Amino acid sequence: MSAPACETRTLAAPFPTPIACLLAGQTEAERWLRDHPSYRLQSWRCGREEKAL
């Protein structure tokens, strides 16, 4: 049996502060999981979006 592949998903939400991200991020993660029932959330974090050079 092979291990499931991991994917990184980015949610671009306009959170004005890190605290707002932490509070609302849980709700956004839950909503995303409801819309994608075949996925399992391993971790999530708040941070700035990295821009490609």
PDB file of N, CA and C in Angstrom:
ATOM      1  N   MET A   1       0.836  -1.177   0.000  1.00  0.00           N
ATOM      2  CA  MET A   1       0.000   0.000   0.000  1.00  0.00           C
ATOM      3  C   MET A   1       0.880   1.240   0.000  1.00  0.00           C
ATOM      4  N   SER A   2       0.635   2.152  -0.917  1.00  0.00           N
ATOM      5  CA  SER A   2       1.482   3.338  -1.003  1.00  0.00           C
ATOM      6  C   SER A   2       0.941   4.445  -0.103  1.00  0.00           C
ATOM      7  N   ALA A   3       1.845   5.301   0.325  1.00  0.00           N
ATOM      8  CA  ALA A   3       1.475   6.427   1.187  1.00  0.00           C
ATOM      9  C   ALA A   3       0.773   7.497   0.349  1.00  0.00           C
ATOM     10  N   PRO A   4      -0.201   8.184   0.927  1.00  0.00           N
ATOM     11  CA  PRO A   4      -0.885   9.235   0.184  1.00  0.00           C
ATOM     12  C   PRO A   4       0.056  10.407  -0.088  1.00  0.00           C
ATOM     13  N   ALA A   5      -0.157  11.049  -1.203  1.00  0.00           N
ATOM     14  CA  ALA A   5       0.666  12.207  -1.556  1.00  0.00           C
ATOM     15  C   ALA A   5       0.226  13.415  -0.740  1.00  0.00           C
ATOM     16  N   CYS A   6       1.172  14.235  -0.361  1.00  0.00           N
ATOM     17  CA  CYS A   6       0.868  15.475   0.359  1.00  0.00           C
ATOM     18  C   CYS A   6       0.801  16.616  -0.642  1.00  0.00           C
ATOM     19  N   GLU A   7      -0.091  17.532  -0.399  1.00  0.00           N
ATOM     20  CA  GLU A   7      -0.230  18.705  -1.240  1.00  0.00           C
ATOM     21  C   GLU A   7      -0.259  19.934  -0.349  1.00  0.00           C
ATOM     22  N   THR A   8       0.267  21.021  -0.854  1.00  0.00           N
ATOM     23  CA  THR A   8       0.194  22.291  -0.156  1.00  0.00           C
ATOM     24  C   THR A   8      -0.856  23.139  -0.849  1.00  0.00           C
ATOM     25  N   ARG A   9      -1.799  23.623  -0.082  1.00  0.00           N
ATOM     26  CA  ARG A   9      -2.857  24.489  -0.607  1.00  0.00           C
ATOM     27  C   ARG A   9      -2.729  25.844   0.061  1.00  0.00           C
ATOM     28  N   THR A  10      -2.926  26.902  -0.695  1.00  0.00           N
ATOM     29  CA  THR A  10      -2.841  28.251  -0.164  1.00  0.00           C
ATOM     30  C   THR A  10      -4.187  28.931  -0.289  1.00  0.00           C
ATOM     31  N   LEU A  11      -4.643  29.484   0.803  1.00  0.00           N
ATOM     32  CA  LEU A  11      -5.878  30.240   0.814  1.00  0.00           C
ATOM     33  C   LEU A  11      -5.513  31.712   0.920  1.00  0.00           C
ATOM     34  N   ALA A  12      -5.865  32.465  -0.076  1.00  0.00           N
ATOM     35  CA  ALA A  12      -5.576  33.894  -0.067  1.00  0.00           C
ATOM     36  C   ALA A  12      -6.764  34.630   0.532  1.00  0.00           C
ATOM     37  N   ALA A  13      -6.673  34.915   1.803  1.00  0.00           N
ATOM     38  CA  ALA A  13      -7.738  35.648   2.494  1.00  0.00           C
ATOM     39  C   ALA A  13      -7.145  36.928   3.071  1.00  0.00           C
ATOM     40  N   PRO A  14      -7.880  38.004   2.997  1.00  0.00           N
ATOM     41  CA  PRO A  14      -7.357  39.292   3.473  1.00  0.00           C
ATOM     42  C   PRO A  14      -7.477  39.461   4.985  1.00  0.00           C
ATOM     43  N   PHE A  15      -6.625  38.790   5.726  1.00  0.00           N
ATOM     44  CA  PHE A  15      -6.638  38.938   7.181  1.00  0.00           C
ATOM     45  C   PHE A  15      -5.758  40.134   7.543  1.00  0.00           C
ATOM     46  N   PRO A  16      -6.315  41.119   8.230  1.00  0.00           N
ATOM     47  CA  PRO A  16      -5.540  42.341   8.514  1.00  0.00           C
ATOM     48  C   PRO A  16      -4.444  42.170   9.555  1.00  0.00           C
ATOM     49  N   THR A  17      -4.582  41.187  10.439  1.00  0.00           N
ATOM     50  CA  THR A  17      -3.579  40.970  11.484  1.00  0.00           C
ATOM     51  C   THR A  17      -3.348  39.473  11.667  1.00  0.00           C
ATOM     52  N   PRO A  18      -2.218  39.104  12.250  1.00  0.00           N
ATOM     53  CA  PRO A  18      -1.978  37.681  12.529  1.00  0.00           C
ATOM     54  C   PRO A  18      -3.037  37.074  13.458  1.00  0.00           C
ATOM     55  N   ILE A  19      -3.511  37.834  14.426  1.00  0.00           N
ATOM     56  CA  ILE A  19      -4.544  37.322  15.337  1.00  0.00           C
ATOM     57  C   ILE A  19      -5.828  37.042  14.571  1.00  0.00           C
ATOM     58  N   ALA A  20      -6.194  37.924  13.659  1.00  0.00           N
ATOM     59  CA  ALA A  20      -7.391  37.700  12.838  1.00  0.00           C
ATOM     60  C   ALA A  20      -7.238  36.443  12.008  1.00  0.00           C
ATOM     61  N   CYS A  21      -6.046  36.203  11.505  1.00  0.00           N
ATOM     62  CA  CYS A  21      -5.786  34.997  10.728  1.00  0.00           C
ATOM     63  C   CYS A  21      -5.947  33.758  11.596  1.00  0.00           C
ATOM     64  N   LEU A  22      -5.406  33.796  12.785  1.00  0.00           N
ATOM     65  CA  LEU A  22      -5.518  32.641  13.680  1.00  0.00           C
ATOM     66  C   LEU A  22      -6.967  32.347  14.039  1.00  0.00           C
ATOM     67  N   LEU A  23      -7.748  33.378  14.298  1.00  0.00           N
ATOM     68  CA  LEU A  23      -9.140  33.186  14.689  1.00  0.00           C
ATOM     69  C   LEU A  23     -10.003  32.746  13.511  1.00  0.00           C
ATOM     70  N   ALA A  24      -9.877  33.425  12.384  1.00  0.00           N
ATOM     71  CA  ALA A  24     -10.716  33.108  11.226  1.00  0.00           C
ATOM     72  C   ALA A  24     -10.160  31.942  10.411  1.00  0.00           C
ATOM     73  N   GLY A  25      -8.867  31.690  10.520  1.00  0.00           N
ATOM     74  CA  GLY A  25      -8.248  30.623   9.746  1.00  0.00           C
ATOM     75  C   GLY A  25      -8.809  29.249  10.064  1.00  0.00           C
ATOM     76  N   GLN A  26      -9.146  29.016  11.316  1.00  0.00           N
ATOM     77  CA  GLN A  26      -9.733  27.734  11.701  1.00  0.00           C
ATOM     78  C   GLN A  26     -11.062  27.515  11.001  1.00  0.00           C
ATOM     79  N   THR A  27     -11.861  28.560  10.937  1.00  0.00           N
ATOM     80  CA  THR A  27     -13.154  28.478  10.270  1.00  0.00           C
ATOM     81  C   THR A  27     -12.976  28.253   8.779  1.00  0.00           C
ATOM     82  N   GLU A  28     -12.014  28.950   8.179  1.00  0.00           N
ATOM     83  CA  GLU A  28     -11.749  28.781   6.747  1.00  0.00           C
ATOM     84  C   GLU A  28     -11.254  27.371   6.445  1.00  0.00           C
ATOM     85  N   ALA A  29     -10.398  26.821   7.305  1.00  0.00           N
ATOM     86  CA  ALA A  29      -9.904  25.460   7.112  1.00  0.00           C
ATOM     87  C   ALA A  29     -11.045  24.458   7.215  1.00  0.00           C
ATOM     88  N   GLU A  30     -11.926  24.651   8.174  1.00  0.00           N
ATOM     89  CA  GLU A  30     -13.074  23.763   8.332  1.00  0.00           C
ATOM     90  C   GLU A  30     -13.983  23.824   7.104  1.00  0.00           C
ATOM     91  N   ARG A  31     -14.220  25.022   6.602  1.00  0.00           N
ATOM     92  CA  ARG A  31     -15.057  25.191   5.410  1.00  0.00           C
ATOM     93  C   ARG A  31     -14.428  24.481   4.216  1.00  0.00           C
ATOM     94  N   TRP A  32     -13.116  24.629   4.053  1.00  0.00           N
ATOM     95  CA  TRP A  32     -12.426  24.001   2.924  1.00  0.00           C
ATOM     96  C   TRP A  32     -12.541  22.474   3.022  1.00  0.00           C
ATOM     97  N   LEU A  33     -12.381  21.935   4.231  1.00  0.00           N
ATOM     98  CA  LEU A  33     -12.479  20.487   4.419  1.00  0.00           C
ATOM     99  C   LEU A  33     -13.886  19.970   4.127  1.00  0.00           C
ATOM    100  N   ARG A  34     -14.903  20.735   4.481  1.00  0.00           N
ATOM    101  CA  ARG A  34     -16.278  20.324   4.155  1.00  0.00           C
ATOM    102  C   ARG A  34     -16.479  20.248   2.651  1.00  0.00           C
ATOM    103  N   ASP A  35     -15.844  21.184   1.920  1.00  0.00           N
ATOM    104  CA  ASP A  35     -15.975  21.210   0.460  1.00  0.00           C
ATOM    105  C   ASP A  35     -15.091  20.172  -0.224  1.00  0.00           C
ATOM    106  N   HIS A  36     -14.124  19.612   0.492  1.00  0.00           N
ATOM    107  CA  HIS A  36     -13.182  18.636  -0.057  1.00  0.00           C
ATOM    108  C   HIS A  36     -13.091  17.431   0.891  1.00  0.00           C
ATOM    109  N   PRO A  37     -14.149  16.633   0.982  1.00  0.00           N
ATOM    110  CA  PRO A  37     -14.203  15.559   1.994  1.00  0.00           C
ATOM    111  C   PRO A  37     -13.176  14.444   1.805  1.00  0.00           C
ATOM    112  N   SER A  38     -12.572  14.336   0.642  1.00  0.00           N
ATOM    113  CA  SER A  38     -11.588  13.267   0.454  1.00  0.00           C
ATOM    114  C   SER A  38     -10.194  13.670   0.942  1.00  0.00           C
ATOM    115  N   TYR A  39     -10.046  14.902   1.416  1.00  0.00           N
ATOM    116  CA  TYR A  39      -8.757  15.373   1.916  1.00  0.00           C
ATOM    117  C   TYR A  39      -8.722  15.313   3.436  1.00  0.00           C
ATOM    118  N   ARG A  40      -7.510  15.284   3.974  1.00  0.00           N
ATOM    119  CA  ARG A  40      -7.289  15.314   5.415  1.00  0.00           C
ATOM    120  C   ARG A  40      -6.320  16.446   5.699  1.00  0.00           C
ATOM    121  N   LEU A  41      -6.622  17.281   6.649  1.00  0.00           N
ATOM    122  CA  LEU A  41      -5.769  18.416   7.008  1.00  0.00           C
ATOM    123  C   LEU A  41      -4.695  17.942   7.975  1.00  0.00           C
ATOM    124  N   GLN A  42      -3.459  18.142   7.601  1.00  0.00           N
ATOM    125  CA  GLN A  42      -2.358  17.757   8.478  1.00  0.00           C
ATOM    126  C   GLN A  42      -1.889  18.949   9.299  1.00  0.00           C
ATOM    127  N   SER A  43      -1.823  20.115   8.695  1.00  0.00           N
ATOM    128  CA  SER A  43      -1.416  21.316   9.421  1.00  0.00           C
ATOM    129  C   SER A  43      -1.843  22.543   8.641  1.00  0.00           C
ATOM    130  N   TRP A  44      -1.855  23.664   9.313  1.00  0.00           N
ATOM    131  CA  TRP A  44      -2.122  24.926   8.655  1.00  0.00           C
ATOM    132  C   TRP A  44      -1.360  26.006   9.414  1.00  0.00           C
ATOM    133  N   ARG A  45      -1.136  27.119   8.738  1.00  0.00           N
ATOM    134  CA  ARG A  45      -0.419  28.212   9.380  1.00  0.00           C
ATOM    135  C   ARG A  45      -0.828  29.526   8.750  1.00  0.00           C
ATOM    136  N   CYS A  46      -0.579  30.571   9.455  1.00  0.00           N
ATOM    137  CA  CYS A  46      -0.801  31.926   8.943  1.00  0.00           C
ATOM    138  C   CYS A  46       0.551  32.520   8.615  1.00  0.00           C
ATOM    139  N   GLY A  47       0.609  33.261   7.570  1.00  0.00           N
ATOM    140  CA  GLY A  47       1.856  33.908   7.202  1.00  0.00           C
ATOM    141  C   GLY A  47       1.685  34.690   5.922  1.00  0.00           C
ATOM    142  N   ARG A  48       2.699  35.385   5.574  1.00  0.00           N
ATOM    143  CA  ARG A  48       2.674  36.161   4.346  1.00  0.00           C
ATOM    144  C   ARG A  48       2.851  35.250   3.153  1.00  0.00           C
ATOM    145  N   GLU A  49       2.199  35.615   2.073  1.00  0.00           N
ATOM    146  CA  GLU A  49       2.333  34.862   0.851  1.00  0.00           C
ATOM    147  C   GLU A  49       3.709  35.120   0.248  1.00  0.00           C
ATOM    148  N   GLU A  50       4.400  34.047  -0.115  1.00  0.00           N
ATOM    149  CA  GLU A  50       5.710  34.198  -0.737  1.00  0.00           C
ATOM    150  C   GLU A  50       5.528  34.519  -2.208  1.00  0.00           C
ATOM    151  N   LYS A  51       6.305  35.479  -2.673  1.00  0.00           N
ATOM    152  CA  LYS A  51       6.210  35.890  -4.064  1.00  0.00           C
ATOM    153  C   LYS A  51       7.388  35.328  -4.843  1.00  0.00           C
ATOM    154  N   ALA A  52       7.119  34.827  -6.036  1.00  0.00           N
ATOM    155  CA  ALA A  52       8.179  34.297  -6.891  1.00  0.00           C
ATOM    156  C   ALA A  52       9.021  35.446  -7.429  1.00  0.00           C
ATOM    157  N   LEU A  53      10.271  35.185  -7.602  1.00  0.00           N
ATOM    158  CA  LEU A  53      11.164  36.204  -8.175  1.00  0.00           C
ATOM    159  C   LEU A  53      11.092  36.220  -9.662  1.00  0.00           C
TER     160      LEU A  53
END
